[in-house]
Amino acid sequence: VVPVAALHAAKRDLEHLGIVVTAHVSPG
C-alpha cells in the first residue's frame, strides 16, 4: 500500500532537517 521507499525518503528528508530518526524495516 505504502511502499517501503516512503520510509527511506522520510528518513532522508527528516535527517536533512536535523531530526534524529530511528528506522526499522520488518522483513517481508
PDB file of all heavy atoms in Angstrom:
ATOM      1  N   VAL A   1       0.827  -1.205   0.000  1.00  0.00           N
ATOM      2  CA  VAL A   1       0.000   0.000   0.000  1.00  0.00           C
ATOM      3  C   VAL A   1       0.861   1.255   0.000  1.00  0.00           C
ATOM      4  O   VAL A   1       0.744   2.117  -0.864  1.00  0.00           O
ATOM      5  CB  VAL A   1      -0.958  -0.014   1.201  1.00  0.00           C
ATOM      6  CG1 VAL A   1      -1.813   1.251   1.227  1.00  0.00           C
ATOM      7  CG2 VAL A   1      -1.853  -1.243   1.145  1.00  0.00           C
ATOM      8  N   VAL A   2       1.713   1.373   0.999  1.00  0.00           N
ATOM      9  CA  VAL A   2       2.707   2.445   1.047  1.00  0.00           C
ATOM     10  C   VAL A   2       4.071   1.773   0.950  1.00  0.00           C
ATOM     11  O   VAL A   2       4.562   1.223   1.931  1.00  0.00           O
ATOM     12  CB  VAL A   2       2.603   3.254   2.361  1.00  0.00           C
ATOM     13  CG1 VAL A   2       3.585   4.420   2.336  1.00  0.00           C
ATOM     14  CG2 VAL A   2       1.191   3.761   2.579  1.00  0.00           C
ATOM     15  N   PRO A   3       4.687   1.777  -0.210  1.00  0.00           N
ATOM     16  CA  PRO A   3       5.962   1.066  -0.369  1.00  0.00           C
ATOM     17  C   PRO A   3       7.019   1.541   0.620  1.00  0.00           C
ATOM     18  O   PRO A   3       7.022   2.700   1.047  1.00  0.00           O
ATOM     19  CB  PRO A   3       6.363   1.390  -1.817  1.00  0.00           C
ATOM     20  CG  PRO A   3       5.058   1.637  -2.502  1.00  0.00           C
ATOM     21  CD  PRO A   3       4.193   2.326  -1.484  1.00  0.00           C
ATOM     22  N   VAL A   4       7.919   0.642   0.962  1.00  0.00           N
ATOM     23  CA  VAL A   4       8.931   0.934   1.971  1.00  0.00           C
ATOM     24  C   VAL A   4       9.841   2.078   1.547  1.00  0.00           C
ATOM     25  O   VAL A   4      10.495   2.707   2.398  1.00  0.00           O
ATOM     26  CB  VAL A   4       9.745  -0.337   2.281  1.00  0.00           C
ATOM     27  CG1 VAL A   4      10.634  -0.725   1.093  1.00  0.00           C
ATOM     28  CG2 VAL A   4      10.573  -0.166   3.553  1.00  0.00           C
ATOM     29  N   ALA A   5       9.859   2.407   0.269  1.00  0.00           N
ATOM     30  CA  ALA A   5      10.636   3.562  -0.182  1.00  0.00           C
ATOM     31  C   ALA A   5      10.199   4.836   0.530  1.00  0.00           C
ATOM     32  O   ALA A   5      10.987   5.771   0.685  1.00  0.00           O
ATOM     33  CB  ALA A   5      10.489   3.733  -1.698  1.00  0.00           C
ATOM     34  N   ALA A   6       8.939   4.883   0.965  1.00  0.00           N
ATOM     35  CA  ALA A   6       8.449   6.061   1.681  1.00  0.00           C
ATOM     36  C   ALA A   6       9.191   6.248   3.001  1.00  0.00           C
ATOM     37  O   ALA A   6       9.431   7.376   3.427  1.00  0.00           O
ATOM     38  CB  ALA A   6       6.952   5.941   1.931  1.00  0.00           C
ATOM     39  N   LEU A   7       9.537   5.155   3.672  1.00  0.00           N
ATOM     40  CA  LEU A   7      10.317   5.265   4.903  1.00  0.00           C
ATOM     41  C   LEU A   7      11.685   5.877   4.621  1.00  0.00           C
ATOM     42  O   LEU A   7      12.128   6.793   5.322  1.00  0.00           O
ATOM     43  CB  LEU A   7      10.474   3.893   5.558  1.00  0.00           C
ATOM     44  CG  LEU A   7      11.368   3.832   6.813  1.00  0.00           C
ATOM     45  CD1 LEU A   7      10.864   2.767   7.783  1.00  0.00           C
ATOM     46  CD2 LEU A   7      12.836   3.531   6.459  1.00  0.00           C
ATOM     47  N   HIS A   8      12.351   5.363   3.600  1.00  0.00           N
ATOM     48  CA  HIS A   8      13.703   5.847   3.305  1.00  0.00           C
ATOM     49  C   HIS A   8      13.686   7.315   2.890  1.00  0.00           C
ATOM     50  O   HIS A   8      14.572   8.094   3.274  1.00  0.00           O
ATOM     51  CB  HIS A   8      14.333   4.985   2.212  1.00  0.00           C
ATOM     52  CG  HIS A   8      14.449   3.540   2.602  1.00  0.00           C
ATOM     53  ND1 HIS A   8      15.168   3.116   3.689  1.00  0.00           N
ATOM     54  CD2 HIS A   8      13.908   2.412   2.041  1.00  0.00           C
ATOM     55  CE1 HIS A   8      15.082   1.793   3.799  1.00  0.00           C
ATOM     56  NE2 HIS A   8      14.319   1.347   2.815  1.00  0.00           N
ATOM     57  N   ALA A   9      12.663   7.710   2.132  1.00  0.00           N
ATOM     58  CA  ALA A   9      12.550   9.110   1.728  1.00  0.00           C
ATOM     59  C   ALA A   9      12.291  10.004   2.939  1.00  0.00           C
ATOM     60  O   ALA A   9      12.882  11.081   3.075  1.00  0.00           O
ATOM     61  CB  ALA A   9      11.428   9.272   0.703  1.00  0.00           C
ATOM     62  N   ALA A  10      11.400   9.560   3.834  1.00  0.00           N
ATOM     63  CA  ALA A  10      11.101  10.354   5.020  1.00  0.00           C
ATOM     64  C   ALA A  10      12.331  10.477   5.923  1.00  0.00           C
ATOM     65  O   ALA A  10      12.623  11.559   6.449  1.00  0.00           O
ATOM     66  CB  ALA A  10       9.947   9.715   5.790  1.00  0.00           C
ATOM     67  N   LYS A  11      13.049   9.387   6.091  1.00  0.00           N
ATOM     68  CA  LYS A  11      14.251   9.412   6.928  1.00  0.00           C
ATOM     69  C   LYS A  11      15.268  10.411   6.376  1.00  0.00           C
ATOM     70  O   LYS A  11      15.848  11.219   7.118  1.00  0.00           O
ATOM     71  CB  LYS A  11      14.864   8.019   7.011  1.00  0.00           C
ATOM     72  CG  LYS A  11      16.067   7.889   7.953  1.00  0.00           C
ATOM     73  CD  LYS A  11      16.508   6.436   8.051  1.00  0.00           C
ATOM     74  CE  LYS A  11      17.608   6.256   9.115  1.00  0.00           C
ATOM     75  NZ  LYS A  11      18.865   6.900   8.722  1.00  0.00           N
ATOM     76  N   ARG A  12      15.474  10.360   5.085  1.00  0.00           N
ATOM     77  CA  ARG A  12      16.420  11.290   4.450  1.00  0.00           C
ATOM     78  C   ARG A  12      15.985  12.740   4.648  1.00  0.00           C
ATOM     79  O   ARG A  12      16.791  13.606   5.033  1.00  0.00           O
ATOM     80  CB  ARG A  12      16.517  10.975   2.954  1.00  0.00           C
ATOM     81  CG  ARG A  12      17.492  11.878   2.184  1.00  0.00           C
ATOM     82  CD  ARG A  12      17.281  11.716   0.700  1.00  0.00           C
ATOM     83  NE  ARG A  12      15.958  12.181   0.299  1.00  0.00           N
ATOM     84  CZ  ARG A  12      15.116  11.479  -0.462  1.00  0.00           C
ATOM     85  NH1 ARG A  12      15.440  10.271  -0.887  1.00  0.00           N
ATOM     86  NH2 ARG A  12      13.943  11.991  -0.798  1.00  0.00           N
ATOM     87  N   ASP A  13      14.720  13.022   4.396  1.00  0.00           N
ATOM     88  CA  ASP A  13      14.242  14.400   4.498  1.00  0.00           C
ATOM     89  C   ASP A  13      14.260  14.902   5.937  1.00  0.00           C
ATOM     90  O   ASP A  13      14.591  16.064   6.193  1.00  0.00           O
ATOM     91  CB  ASP A  13      12.814  14.497   3.933  1.00  0.00           C
ATOM     92  CG  ASP A  13      12.773  14.291   2.428  1.00  0.00           C
ATOM     93  OD1 ASP A  13      13.795  14.525   1.764  1.00  0.00           O
ATOM     94  OD2 ASP A  13      11.701  13.887   1.916  1.00  0.00           O
ATOM     95  N   LEU A  14      13.901  14.052   6.878  1.00  0.00           N
ATOM     96  CA  LEU A  14      13.892  14.468   8.277  1.00  0.00           C
ATOM     97  C   LEU A  14      15.310  14.686   8.808  1.00  0.00           C
ATOM     98  O   LEU A  14      15.572  15.655   9.536  1.00  0.00           O
ATOM     99  CB  LEU A  14      13.171  13.431   9.128  1.00  0.00           C
ATOM    100  CG  LEU A  14      11.658  13.307   8.877  1.00  0.00           C
ATOM    101  CD1 LEU A  14      11.107  12.089   9.611  1.00  0.00           C
ATOM    102  CD2 LEU A  14      10.926  14.571   9.301  1.00  0.00           C
ATOM    103  N   GLU A  15      16.216  13.802   8.454  1.00  0.00           N
ATOM    104  CA  GLU A  15      17.601  13.967   8.902  1.00  0.00           C
ATOM    105  C   GLU A  15      18.223  15.220   8.303  1.00  0.00           C
ATOM    106  O   GLU A  15      19.060  15.875   8.942  1.00  0.00           O
ATOM    107  CB  GLU A  15      18.410  12.725   8.539  1.00  0.00           C
ATOM    108  CG  GLU A  15      18.042  11.518   9.404  1.00  0.00           C
ATOM    109  CD  GLU A  15      18.826  10.270   9.055  1.00  0.00           C
ATOM    110  OE1 GLU A  15      19.327  10.175   7.910  1.00  0.00           O
ATOM    111  OE2 GLU A  15      18.924   9.380   9.913  1.00  0.00           O
ATOM    112  N   HIS A  16      17.814  15.582   7.107  1.00  0.00           N
ATOM    113  CA  HIS A  16      18.298  16.816   6.479  1.00  0.00           C
ATOM    114  C   HIS A  16      17.897  18.034   7.314  1.00  0.00           C
ATOM    115  O   HIS A  16      18.580  19.059   7.295  1.00  0.00           O
ATOM    116  CB  HIS A  16      17.737  16.938   5.063  1.00  0.00           C
ATOM    117  CG  HIS A  16      18.218  18.152   4.331  1.00  0.00           C
ATOM    118  ND1 HIS A  16      19.507  18.289   3.867  1.00  0.00           N
ATOM    119  CD2 HIS A  16      17.571  19.313   3.997  1.00  0.00           C
ATOM    120  CE1 HIS A  16      19.647  19.465   3.270  1.00  0.00           C
ATOM    121  NE2 HIS A  16      18.486  20.103   3.334  1.00  0.00           N
ATOM    122  N   LEU A  17      16.800  17.904   8.073  1.00  0.00           N
ATOM    123  CA  LEU A  17      16.327  18.990   8.923  1.00  0.00           C
ATOM    124  C   LEU A  17      16.942  18.944  10.322  1.00  0.00           C
ATOM    125  O   LEU A  17      16.606  19.762  11.176  1.00  0.00           O
ATOM    126  CB  LEU A  17      14.798  18.915   9.043  1.00  0.00           C
ATOM    127  CG  LEU A  17      14.016  19.101   7.748  1.00  0.00           C
ATOM    128  CD1 LEU A  17      12.555  18.708   7.958  1.00  0.00           C
ATOM    129  CD2 LEU A  17      14.116  20.545   7.257  1.00  0.00           C
ATOM    130  N   GLY A  18      17.820  17.980  10.557  1.00  0.00           N
ATOM    131  CA  GLY A  18      18.457  17.864  11.859  1.00  0.00           C
ATOM    132  C   GLY A  18      17.693  17.026  12.852  1.00  0.00           C
ATOM    133  O   GLY A  18      17.993  17.047  14.058  1.00  0.00           O
ATOM    134  N   ILE A  19      16.716  16.266  12.383  1.00  0.00           N
ATOM    135  CA  ILE A  19      15.916  15.419  13.258  1.00  0.00           C
ATOM    136  C   ILE A  19      16.574  14.050  13.368  1.00  0.00           C
ATOM    137  O   ILE A  19      16.996  13.464  12.362  1.00  0.00           O
ATOM    138  CB  ILE A  19      14.482  15.289  12.706  1.00  0.00           C
ATOM    139  CG1 ILE A  19      13.792  16.665  12.746  1.00  0.00           C
ATOM    140  CG2 ILE A  19      13.678  14.257  13.486  1.00  0.00           C
ATOM    141  CD1 ILE A  19      12.462  16.711  12.036  1.00  0.00           C
ATOM    142  N   VAL A  20      16.669  13.541  14.579  1.00  0.00           N
ATOM    143  CA  VAL A  20      17.235  12.213  14.794  1.00  0.00           C
ATOM    144  C   VAL A  20      16.148  11.176  14.502  1.00  0.00           C
ATOM    145  O   VAL A  20      15.091  11.168  15.138  1.00  0.00           O
ATOM    146  CB  VAL A  20      17.743  12.049  16.240  1.00  0.00           C
ATOM    147  CG1 VAL A  20      18.253  10.631  16.464  1.00  0.00           C
ATOM    148  CG2 VAL A  20      18.848  13.070  16.526  1.00  0.00           C
ATOM    149  N   VAL A  21      16.416  10.313  13.537  1.00  0.00           N
ATOM    150  CA  VAL A  21      15.432   9.335  13.079  1.00  0.00           C
ATOM    151  C   VAL A  21      15.953   7.927  13.319  1.00  0.00           C
ATOM    152  O   VAL A  21      17.078   7.592  12.944  1.00  0.00           O
ATOM    153  CB  VAL A  21      15.122   9.511  11.576  1.00  0.00           C
ATOM    154  CG1 VAL A  21      14.087   8.474  11.120  1.00  0.00           C
ATOM    155  CG2 VAL A  21      14.621  10.921  11.288  1.00  0.00           C
ATOM    156  N   THR A  22      15.137   7.121  13.946  1.00  0.00           N
ATOM    157  CA  THR A  22      15.390   5.692  14.068  1.00  0.00           C
ATOM    158  C   THR A  22      14.444   4.978  13.113  1.00  0.00           C
ATOM    159  O   THR A  22      13.250   5.290  13.086  1.00  0.00           O
ATOM    160  CB  THR A  22      15.130   5.205  15.509  1.00  0.00           C
ATOM    161  OG1 THR A  22      15.955   5.953  16.407  1.00  0.00           O
ATOM    162  CG2 THR A  22      15.418   3.717  15.642  1.00  0.00           C
ATOM    163  N   ALA A  23      14.967   4.071  12.325  1.00  0.00           N
ATOM    164  CA  ALA A  23      14.137   3.386  11.332  1.00  0.00           C
ATOM    165  C   ALA A  23      14.265   1.881  11.502  1.00  0.00           C
ATOM    166  O   ALA A  23      15.345   1.362  11.787  1.00  0.00           O
ATOM    167  CB  ALA A  23      14.535   3.789   9.923  1.00  0.00           C
ATOM    168  N   HIS A  24      13.149   1.209  11.309  1.00  0.00           N
ATOM    169  CA  HIS A  24      13.138  -0.250  11.331  1.00  0.00           C
ATOM    170  C   HIS A  24      12.297  -0.753  10.179  1.00  0.00           C
ATOM    171  O   HIS A  24      11.143  -0.350  10.014  1.00  0.00           O
ATOM    172  CB  HIS A  24      12.568  -0.783  12.645  1.00  0.00           C
ATOM    173  CG  HIS A  24      12.341  -2.273  12.619  1.00  0.00           C
ATOM    174  ND1 HIS A  24      13.384  -3.178  12.741  1.00  0.00           N
ATOM    175  CD2 HIS A  24      11.209  -3.018  12.446  1.00  0.00           C
ATOM    176  CE1 HIS A  24      12.900  -4.407  12.663  1.00  0.00           C
ATOM    177  NE2 HIS A  24      11.587  -4.337  12.481  1.00  0.00           N
ATOM    178  N   VAL A  25      12.873  -1.648   9.371  1.00  0.00           N
ATOM    179  CA  VAL A  25      12.142  -2.295   8.283  1.00  0.00           C
ATOM    180  C   VAL A  25      11.905  -3.742   8.673  1.00  0.00           C
ATOM    181  O   VAL A  25      12.845  -4.478   8.997  1.00  0.00           O
ATOM    182  CB  VAL A  25      12.918  -2.216   6.960  1.00  0.00           C
ATOM    183  CG1 VAL A  25      12.188  -2.995   5.865  1.00  0.00           C
ATOM    184  CG2 VAL A  25      13.098  -0.751   6.542  1.00  0.00           C
ATOM    185  N   SER A  26      10.656  -4.158   8.666  1.00  0.00           N
ATOM    186  CA  SER A  26      10.287  -5.529   9.014  1.00  0.00           C
ATOM    187  C   SER A  26      10.373  -6.407   7.773  1.00  0.00           C
ATOM    188  O   SER A  26       9.586  -6.221   6.837  1.00  0.00           O
ATOM    189  CB  SER A  26       8.866  -5.564   9.578  1.00  0.00           C
ATOM    190  OG  SER A  26       8.777  -4.783  10.749  1.00  0.00           O
ATOM    191  N   PRO A  27      11.316  -7.339   7.715  1.00  0.00           N
ATOM    192  CA  PRO A  27      11.486  -8.168   6.516  1.00  0.00           C
ATOM    193  C   PRO A  27      10.207  -8.932   6.172  1.00  0.00           C
ATOM    194  O   PRO A  27       9.635  -9.633   7.009  1.00  0.00           O
ATOM    195  CB  PRO A  27      12.607  -9.137   6.906  1.00  0.00           C
ATOM    196  CG  PRO A  27      13.347  -8.440   8.005  1.00  0.00           C
ATOM    197  CD  PRO A  27      12.293  -7.683   8.765  1.00  0.00           C
ATOM    198  N   GLY A  28       9.758  -8.751   4.939  1.00  0.00           N
ATOM    199  CA  GLY A  28       8.565  -9.447   4.478  1.00  0.00           C
ATOM    200  C   GLY A  28       7.263  -8.901   5.007  1.00  0.00           C
ATOM    201  O   GLY A  28       6.187  -9.418   4.683  1.00  0.00           O
TER     202      GLY A  28
END
